[in-house]
Structures are given as C-alpha cells and as structure tokens.
C-alpha cells in the first residue's frame, strides 16, 4: 500500500527541513532511503528498502541503508519497530508487558492491571484478527540515565 503524492511530499519537506536545521548533509542516498519509507504504509524492513533503492542507486550498500535508518531515527524522522537491540527471547509465558530502554536495550517484564484492561480498537479488525495484546513501554533505564547525567556534568 502506498501513500498519496501530497503526503509523500509533505514528509520529504519535513525531512529536508530537519536536515537543514541539524546542519546534516542531504545526500541522494539519504533522500532516496527516506523517500522509500515515506511512500509506504508497510513499515518496510531495511532489506526491502535496500532492494528498492538499489534499483535506482546500484552502488548503495545495505550497510548505508542501515546506518541511514538509525540516523533518521536519531533525527526523529522515523520510528524503529521491533527488536532495536537484537532479537530477544522471553520464557515468561504469563501475560505481562515490557519496558525497553531506548539506549541500551535492557528489557524487563512488568505487570499492570490498568494496561491489561486496555481495549484494543475495533479498527484493528480491518487489518486482521486479534489473538492478544501486549504493551511495550520505551524509556531510559536508571543506568543509562545516570550515564547521561555523568556525561552532562563533565561538560
């Protein structure tokens, strides 16, 4: 599924403004990688982005695509979904939720009756059938927060 041309252009304009504001170099590779994400509603994985962009830019590498995706994430222009810090495995088969540190990837289980009671929107049935729901809360763990404070105090 693709996004309409007006929305794609709006997203690209935001991308170009963000690059200018951050003083970041606007390269053809970065633009084409962002364009590929901007035109899709599928949340494409890096490999699919690479395949699509490499037809237009045959010299681009998969490594460039990955590095650009994380750079776009740091700029706040894309949101990574899934295992940002590698695939993780959980043997806790009881219903629970997860806290994930955005810095180091620390993942911890937690329980919440309030989150357990969240109703999944009916609009999801247009996408597929619901088998269960789990909340992932992203934040900064205490250890990473302390490292940030220590770094800030050193400057």
C-alpha atoms as a PDB file:
ATOM      1  CA  UNK A   1       0.000   0.000   0.000  1.00  0.00           C
ATOM      2  CA  UNK A   2       1.347   3.430  -0.903  1.00  0.00           C
ATOM      3  CA  UNK A   3       0.844   6.913   0.449  1.00  0.00           C
ATOM      4  CA  UNK A   4      -0.611   9.677  -1.747  1.00  0.00           C
ATOM      5  CA  UNK A   5       1.806  12.020  -3.535  1.00  0.00           C
ATOM      6  CA  UNK A   6       0.862  15.061  -1.445  1.00  0.00           C
ATOM      7  CA  UNK A   7       1.637  13.242   1.821  1.00  0.00           C
ATOM      8  CA  UNK A   8       4.913  11.884   0.437  1.00  0.00           C
ATOM      9  CA  UNK A   9       5.988  15.407  -0.484  1.00  0.00           C
ATOM     10  CA  UNK A  10       4.958  16.717   2.948  1.00  0.00           C
ATOM     11  CA  UNK A  11       7.143  14.061   4.598  1.00  0.00           C
ATOM     12  CA  UNK A  12      10.075  14.824   2.301  1.00  0.00           C
ATOM     13  CA  UNK A  13       9.734  18.553   3.060  1.00  0.00           C
ATOM     14  CA  UNK A  14       9.922  17.757   6.791  1.00  0.00           C
ATOM     15  CA  UNK A  15      12.975  15.579   6.141  1.00  0.00           C
ATOM     16  CA  UNK A  16      14.734  18.326   4.166  1.00  0.00           C
ATOM     17  CA  UNK A  17      13.933  20.956   6.839  1.00  0.00           C
ATOM     18  CA  UNK A  18      15.249  18.671   9.594  1.00  0.00           C
ATOM     19  CA  UNK A  19      18.491  18.122   7.692  1.00  0.00           C
ATOM     20  CA  UNK A  20      18.918  21.860   7.201  1.00  0.00           C
ATOM     21  CA  UNK A  21      18.139  22.645  10.870  1.00  0.00           C
ATOM     22  CA  UNK A  22      20.613  19.998  12.084  1.00  0.00           C
ATOM     23  CA  UNK A  23      23.256  21.013   9.559  1.00  0.00           C
ATOM     24  CA  UNK A  24      23.185  17.468   8.164  1.00  0.00           C
ATOM     25  CA  UNK A  25      24.311  16.779   4.636  1.00  0.00           C
ATOM     26  CA  UNK A  26      21.389  15.973   2.332  1.00  0.00           C
ATOM     27  CA  UNK A  27      22.767  13.223   0.096  1.00  0.00           C
ATOM     28  CA  UNK A  28      20.997  11.417  -2.718  1.00  0.00           C
ATOM     29  CA  UNK A  29      21.299   8.153  -0.746  1.00  0.00           C
ATOM     30  CA  UNK A  30      19.649   9.646   2.338  1.00  0.00           C
ATOM     31  CA  UNK A  31      16.890  11.226   0.269  1.00  0.00           C
ATOM     32  CA  UNK A  32      16.131   8.011  -1.637  1.00  0.00           C
ATOM     33  CA  UNK A  33      16.125   5.903   1.533  1.00  0.00           C
ATOM     34  CA  UNK A  34      13.769   8.344   3.235  1.00  0.00           C
ATOM     35  CA  UNK A  35      11.574   8.556   0.117  1.00  0.00           C
ATOM     36  CA  UNK A  36      11.199   4.766   0.140  1.00  0.00           C
ATOM     37  CA  UNK A  37       9.926   4.851   3.721  1.00  0.00           C
ATOM     38  CA  UNK A  38       7.794   7.955   3.157  1.00  0.00           C
ATOM     39  CA  UNK A  39       5.858   6.369   0.309  1.00  0.00           C
ATOM     40  CA  UNK A  40       4.995   3.142   2.130  1.00  0.00           C
ATOM     41  CA  UNK A  41       2.416   2.269   4.747  1.00  0.00           C
ATOM     42  CA  UNK A  42       4.019  -1.152   5.160  1.00  0.00           C
ATOM     43  CA  UNK A  43       6.806  -0.165   7.609  1.00  0.00           C
ATOM     44  CA  UNK A  44       9.398  -1.747   5.325  1.00  0.00           C
ATOM     45  CA  UNK A  45      12.414  -3.559   6.780  1.00  0.00           C
ATOM     46  CA  UNK A  46      15.921  -2.388   5.889  1.00  0.00           C
ATOM     47  CA  UNK A  47      16.411  -5.196   3.376  1.00  0.00           C
ATOM     48  CA  UNK A  48      13.268  -4.217   1.423  1.00  0.00           C
ATOM     49  CA  UNK A  49      14.351  -0.565   1.436  1.00  0.00           C
ATOM     50  CA  UNK A  50      17.776  -1.618   0.190  1.00  0.00           C
ATOM     51  CA  UNK A  51      16.271  -3.713  -2.636  1.00  0.00           C
ATOM     52  CA  UNK A  52      14.039  -0.857  -3.791  1.00  0.00           C
ATOM     53  CA  UNK A  53      16.666   1.887  -3.525  1.00  0.00           C
ATOM     54  CA  UNK A  54      19.404  -0.208  -5.161  1.00  0.00           C
ATOM     55  CA  UNK A  55      17.368  -0.308  -8.382  1.00  0.00           C
ATOM     56  CA  UNK A  56      17.735   3.489  -8.541  1.00  0.00           C
ATOM     57  CA  UNK A  57      21.179   3.719  -6.917  1.00  0.00           C
ATOM     58  CA  UNK A  58      23.042   0.496  -7.792  1.00  0.00           C
ATOM     59  CA  UNK A  59      26.168   1.444  -5.813  1.00  0.00           C
ATOM     60  CA  UNK A  60      24.343   1.809  -2.473  1.00  0.00           C
ATOM     61  CA  UNK A  61      25.188  -0.769   0.200  1.00  0.00           C
ATOM     62  CA  UNK A  62      22.976  -2.456   2.757  1.00  0.00           C
ATOM     63  CA  UNK A  63      25.263  -1.002   5.431  1.00  0.00           C
ATOM     64  CA  UNK A  64      24.496   2.528   4.167  1.00  0.00           C
ATOM     65  CA  UNK A  65      20.789   1.793   4.383  1.00  0.00           C
ATOM     66  CA  UNK A  66      21.088   0.549   7.990  1.00  0.00           C
ATOM     67  CA  UNK A  67      23.254   3.481   9.069  1.00  0.00           C
ATOM     68  CA  UNK A  68      20.876   5.947   7.409  1.00  0.00           C
ATOM     69  CA  UNK A  69      17.836   4.367   9.056  1.00  0.00           C
ATOM     70  CA  UNK A  70      19.391   4.743  12.529  1.00  0.00           C
ATOM     71  CA  UNK A  71      20.453   8.296  11.650  1.00  0.00           C
ATOM     72  CA  UNK A  72      16.865   9.088  10.592  1.00  0.00           C
ATOM     73  CA  UNK A  73      15.688   7.606  13.881  1.00  0.00           C
ATOM     74  CA  UNK A  74      18.074   9.837  15.838  1.00  0.00           C
ATOM     75  CA  UNK A  75      16.691  12.858  13.956  1.00  0.00           C
ATOM     76  CA  UNK A  76      13.177  11.802  14.962  1.00  0.00           C
ATOM     77  CA  UNK A  77      12.079  11.288  11.355  1.00  0.00           C
ATOM     78  CA  UNK A  78      11.373   7.552  11.558  1.00  0.00           C
ATOM     79  CA  UNK A  79      10.445   5.232  14.391  1.00  0.00           C
ATOM     80  CA  UNK A  80      12.086   1.833  14.556  1.00  0.00           C
ATOM     81  CA  UNK A  81       9.706  -1.011  15.232  1.00  0.00           C
ATOM     82  CA  UNK A  82      10.688  -4.367  16.606  1.00  0.00           C
ATOM     83  CA  UNK A  83      13.956  -5.577  18.053  1.00  0.00           C
ATOM     84  CA  UNK A  84      16.088  -2.444  18.053  1.00  0.00           C
ATOM     85  CA  UNK A  85      18.806  -4.095  20.084  1.00  0.00           C
ATOM     86  CA  UNK A  86      18.617  -7.568  18.564  1.00  0.00           C
ATOM     87  CA  UNK A  87      16.065 -10.312  18.867  1.00  0.00           C
ATOM     88  CA  UNK A  88      15.258 -11.201  22.436  1.00  0.00           C
ATOM     89  CA  UNK A  89      13.662 -14.276  23.923  1.00  0.00           C
ATOM     90  CA  UNK A  90      11.296 -14.436  26.875  1.00  0.00           C
ATOM     91  CA  UNK A  91      10.459 -17.606  28.788  1.00  0.00           C
ATOM     92  CA  UNK A  92       7.804 -15.855  30.876  1.00  0.00           C
ATOM     93  CA  UNK A  93       4.624 -17.185  29.301  1.00  0.00           C
ATOM     94  CA  UNK A  94       2.274 -15.434  31.718  1.00  0.00           C
ATOM     95  CA  UNK A  95       0.542 -12.278  30.491  1.00  0.00           C
ATOM     96  CA  UNK A  96       2.813  -9.277  31.040  1.00  0.00           C
ATOM     97  CA  UNK A  97       4.203  -6.159  29.387  1.00  0.00           C
ATOM     98  CA  UNK A  98       7.736  -4.927  28.703  1.00  0.00           C
ATOM     99  CA  UNK A  99       9.880  -1.912  29.499  1.00  0.00           C
ATOM    100  CA  UNK A 100      12.641  -1.415  26.896  1.00  0.00           C
ATOM    101  CA  UNK A 101      15.499   1.029  27.362  1.00  0.00           C
ATOM    102  CA  UNK A 102      15.922   3.051  24.167  1.00  0.00           C
ATOM    103  CA  UNK A 103      19.641   3.446  24.881  1.00  0.00           C
ATOM    104  CA  UNK A 104      20.983   0.028  25.851  1.00  0.00           C
ATOM    105  CA  UNK A 105      18.093  -2.303  25.045  1.00  0.00           C
ATOM    106  CA  UNK A 106      17.567  -3.503  28.619  1.00  0.00           C
ATOM    107  CA  UNK A 107      14.230  -5.308  28.596  1.00  0.00           C
ATOM    108  CA  UNK A 108      12.267  -6.060  31.755  1.00  0.00           C
ATOM    109  CA  UNK A 109       8.861  -7.582  32.378  1.00  0.00           C
ATOM    110  CA  UNK A 110       6.231  -5.732  34.354  1.00  0.00           C
ATOM    111  CA  UNK A 111       2.580  -6.273  35.176  1.00  0.00           C
ATOM    112  CA  UNK A 112      -0.183  -3.705  35.075  1.00  0.00           C
ATOM    113  CA  UNK A 113      -3.855  -4.303  35.651  1.00  0.00           C
ATOM    114  CA  UNK A 114      -4.584  -0.929  34.027  1.00  0.00           C
ATOM    115  CA  UNK A 115      -2.808  -1.931  30.808  1.00  0.00           C
ATOM    116  CA  UNK A 116      -4.410  -5.374  30.938  1.00  0.00           C
ATOM    117  CA  UNK A 117      -7.806  -3.659  30.774  1.00  0.00           C
ATOM    118  CA  UNK A 118      -6.968  -1.590  27.689  1.00  0.00           C
ATOM    119  CA  UNK A 119      -9.441  -2.298  24.942  1.00  0.00           C
ATOM    120  CA  UNK A 120      -7.981  -2.924  21.526  1.00  0.00           C
ATOM    121  CA  UNK A 121      -9.672  -0.624  18.991  1.00  0.00           C
ATOM    122  CA  UNK A 122     -12.217  -2.291  16.750  1.00  0.00           C
ATOM    123  CA  UNK A 123     -10.494  -0.725  13.734  1.00  0.00           C
ATOM    124  CA  UNK A 124      -7.773  -3.378  14.130  1.00  0.00           C
ATOM    125  CA  UNK A 125     -10.198  -5.967  12.744  1.00  0.00           C
ATOM    126  CA  UNK A 126      -9.784  -4.285   9.342  1.00  0.00           C
ATOM    127  CA  UNK A 127      -6.131  -5.384   9.487  1.00  0.00           C
ATOM    128  CA  UNK A 128      -6.561  -8.840  10.997  1.00  0.00           C
ATOM    129  CA  UNK A 129      -7.906 -10.866  13.886  1.00  0.00           C
ATOM    130  CA  UNK A 130      -6.660 -10.193  17.394  1.00  0.00           C
ATOM    131  CA  UNK A 131      -5.026 -13.024  19.312  1.00  0.00           C
ATOM    132  CA  UNK A 132      -3.625 -10.970  22.161  1.00  0.00           C
ATOM    133  CA  UNK A 133      -2.104  -7.631  23.046  1.00  0.00           C
ATOM    134  CA  UNK A 134       0.999  -6.595  24.906  1.00  0.00           C
ATOM    135  CA  UNK A 135       2.279  -3.108  25.694  1.00  0.00           C
ATOM    136  CA  UNK A 136       5.916  -2.148  25.182  1.00  0.00           C
ATOM    137  CA  UNK A 137       6.931   0.920  27.151  1.00  0.00           C
ATOM    138  CA  UNK A 138      10.091   2.594  25.866  1.00  0.00           C
ATOM    139  CA  UNK A 139      12.180   4.796  28.060  1.00  0.00           C
ATOM    140  CA  UNK A 140      15.625   5.217  29.564  1.00  0.00           C
ATOM    141  CA  UNK A 141      16.737   2.798  32.286  1.00  0.00           C
ATOM    142  CA  UNK A 142      18.249   4.141  35.505  1.00  0.00           C
ATOM    143  CA  UNK A 143      21.762   3.084  34.494  1.00  0.00           C
ATOM    144  CA  UNK A 144      21.623   4.935  31.160  1.00  0.00           C
ATOM    145  CA  UNK A 145      20.009   7.962  32.820  1.00  0.00           C
ATOM    146  CA  UNK A 146      22.884   8.041  35.304  1.00  0.00           C
ATOM    147  CA  UNK A 147      25.424   7.803  32.466  1.00  0.00           C
ATOM    148  CA  UNK A 148      23.685  10.748  30.759  1.00  0.00           C
ATOM    149  CA  UNK A 149      23.834  12.791  33.973  1.00  0.00           C
ATOM    150  CA  UNK A 150      27.505  11.942  34.455  1.00  0.00           C
ATOM    151  CA  UNK A 151      28.310  12.930  30.858  1.00  0.00           C
ATOM    152  CA  UNK A 152      26.390  16.198  31.223  1.00  0.00           C
ATOM    153  CA  UNK A 153      28.235  17.035  34.445  1.00  0.00           C
ATOM    154  CA  UNK A 154      31.618  16.500  32.759  1.00  0.00           C
ATOM    155  CA  UNK A 155      30.935  19.162  30.128  1.00  0.00           C
END
